[in-house]
Amino acid sequence: MRLAIAGKGGTGKTTIAGTLARVLARSAAPRQVLAIDADTNPNLASVLGIAPQQAQAIVGLPRSLMERRTREDGTTHVVFGADPESVLREYGAIGPDAVRLMVMGKVGHGGAG
């Protein structure tokens, strides 16, 4: 199952996403849950119960994980070239309910996003 939560700012998307992730992870039929925070101001870690110091250590995914490849016809395309499990281990964090969190990217400063 894949779920995406989107909408206008300030409507509770992070709270709903985090709560839903935790409920699914600890339900009677627990599921492996991967939560991806794609917000430019990532706060999903706090809703998932991840300690602030651990959340600050989460690094957004670097662009170097993507590879530009050339097809036989000469056109190029970009593909994810890394092993997903390695990426989860290196760039993710695990919350108290076993929800795995990844952050897509953070804005370092104004105008950098």
Protein backbone atom coordinates (compact mmCIF):
# COMPACT_ATOMS: atom_id res chain seq x y z
CA MET A 1 0.00 0.00 0.00
CA ARG A 2 1.26 3.49 -0.82
CA LEU A 3 -0.29 6.64 0.57
CA ALA A 4 0.56 10.25 -0.15
CA ILE A 5 -0.79 13.13 1.87
CA ALA A 6 -0.79 16.56 0.28
CA GLY A 7 -2.65 19.80 0.67
CA LYS A 8 -2.59 23.40 1.73
CA GLY A 9 -0.11 24.51 4.37
CA GLY A 10 -1.20 24.39 8.00
CA THR A 11 -3.95 21.81 7.52
CA GLY A 12 -2.44 19.02 9.65
CA LYS A 13 -0.83 16.88 6.94
CA THR A 14 2.22 16.06 9.07
CA THR A 15 0.12 15.14 12.10
CA ILE A 16 -2.17 12.92 10.05
CA ALA A 17 0.73 11.26 8.19
CA GLY A 18 2.70 10.56 11.36
CA THR A 19 -0.28 9.26 13.29
CA LEU A 20 -1.35 7.03 10.42
CA ALA A 21 2.19 5.64 10.06
CA ARG A 22 2.40 4.80 13.75
CA VAL A 23 -1.07 3.20 13.83
CA LEU A 24 -0.27 1.01 10.82
CA ALA A 25 3.08 -0.04 12.29
CA ARG A 26 1.62 -1.15 15.62
CA SER A 27 -1.75 -2.50 14.49
CA ALA A 28 -2.94 -6.07 15.14
CA ALA A 29 -1.45 -7.00 11.77
CA PRO A 30 1.66 -4.79 11.90
CA ARG A 31 3.09 -3.53 8.65
CA GLN A 32 6.54 -2.34 7.68
CA VAL A 33 6.10 1.41 7.32
CA LEU A 34 8.40 3.82 5.54
CA ALA A 35 7.47 7.46 6.05
CA ILE A 36 9.02 9.97 3.68
CA ASP A 37 9.08 13.62 4.68
CA ALA A 38 9.19 15.65 1.48
CA ASP A 39 8.36 18.96 3.16
CA THR A 40 10.87 21.82 2.81
CA ASN A 41 10.49 22.24 6.57
CA PRO A 42 10.59 18.58 7.71
CA ASN A 43 8.88 17.92 11.04
CA LEU A 44 7.54 14.40 10.59
CA ALA A 45 10.24 13.00 12.90
CA SER A 46 8.68 14.70 15.92
CA VAL A 47 5.25 13.19 15.21
CA LEU A 48 6.86 9.76 14.79
CA GLY A 49 8.47 10.05 18.24
CA ILE A 50 12.04 10.33 17.01
CA ALA A 51 14.24 12.18 19.49
CA PRO A 52 15.26 15.70 18.42
CA GLN A 53 19.00 14.91 18.40
CA GLN A 54 18.38 11.84 16.21
CA ALA A 55 16.09 13.86 13.91
CA GLN A 56 18.73 16.55 13.45
CA ALA A 57 21.20 13.88 12.34
CA ILE A 58 18.97 12.75 9.46
CA VAL A 59 20.49 13.89 6.20
CA GLY A 60 18.39 14.55 3.11
CA LEU A 61 19.04 12.29 0.16
CA PRO A 62 21.93 13.54 -1.98
CA ARG A 63 21.49 13.98 -5.72
CA SER A 64 24.48 11.68 -6.23
CA LEU A 65 22.15 8.70 -5.68
CA MET A 66 20.71 9.41 -9.13
CA GLU A 67 22.59 8.36 -12.26
CA ARG A 68 22.27 9.78 -15.74
CA ARG A 69 22.28 6.98 -18.33
CA THR A 70 22.30 7.02 -22.10
CA ARG A 71 19.99 4.73 -24.06
CA GLU A 72 20.94 3.04 -27.31
CA ASP A 73 19.08 5.72 -29.27
CA GLY A 74 21.26 8.44 -27.69
CA THR A 75 18.64 9.87 -25.33
CA THR A 76 19.45 10.18 -21.66
CA HIS A 77 17.40 9.43 -18.58
CA VAL A 78 17.98 9.59 -14.85
CA VAL A 79 17.62 6.49 -12.67
CA PHE A 80 17.99 5.72 -8.98
CA GLY A 81 21.30 3.87 -8.97
CA ALA A 82 21.68 2.92 -5.30
CA ASP A 83 20.62 -0.13 -3.33
CA PRO A 84 17.37 0.89 -1.54
CA GLU A 85 18.13 -1.03 1.67
CA SER A 86 21.58 0.59 1.91
CA VAL A 87 20.01 4.01 1.40
CA LEU A 88 17.48 3.34 4.17
CA ARG A 89 20.24 2.28 6.57
CA GLU A 90 22.52 5.22 5.75
CA TYR A 91 20.03 8.07 5.41
CA GLY A 92 17.03 6.96 7.47
CA ALA A 93 16.01 6.73 11.11
CA ILE A 94 13.76 4.32 12.97
CA GLY A 95 11.10 5.57 15.37
CA PRO A 96 9.83 3.89 18.53
CA ASP A 97 7.03 2.12 16.63
CA ALA A 98 9.51 0.76 14.05
CA VAL A 99 8.42 3.35 11.48
CA ARG A 100 11.35 4.09 9.20
CA LEU A 101 11.75 7.74 8.26
CA MET A 102 13.56 9.33 5.36
CA VAL A 103 13.81 13.01 4.53
CA MET A 104 13.86 13.86 0.84
CA GLY A 105 15.75 17.09 1.22
CA LYS A 106 16.07 20.16 3.34
CA VAL A 107 16.48 23.77 2.34
CA GLY A 108 19.78 24.97 3.81
CA HIS A 109 18.93 28.67 3.64
CA GLY A 110 16.56 31.09 1.96
CA GLY A 111 16.72 30.92 -1.84
CA ALA A 112 18.42 27.50 -1.80
CA GLY A 113 15.31 25.33 -2.27
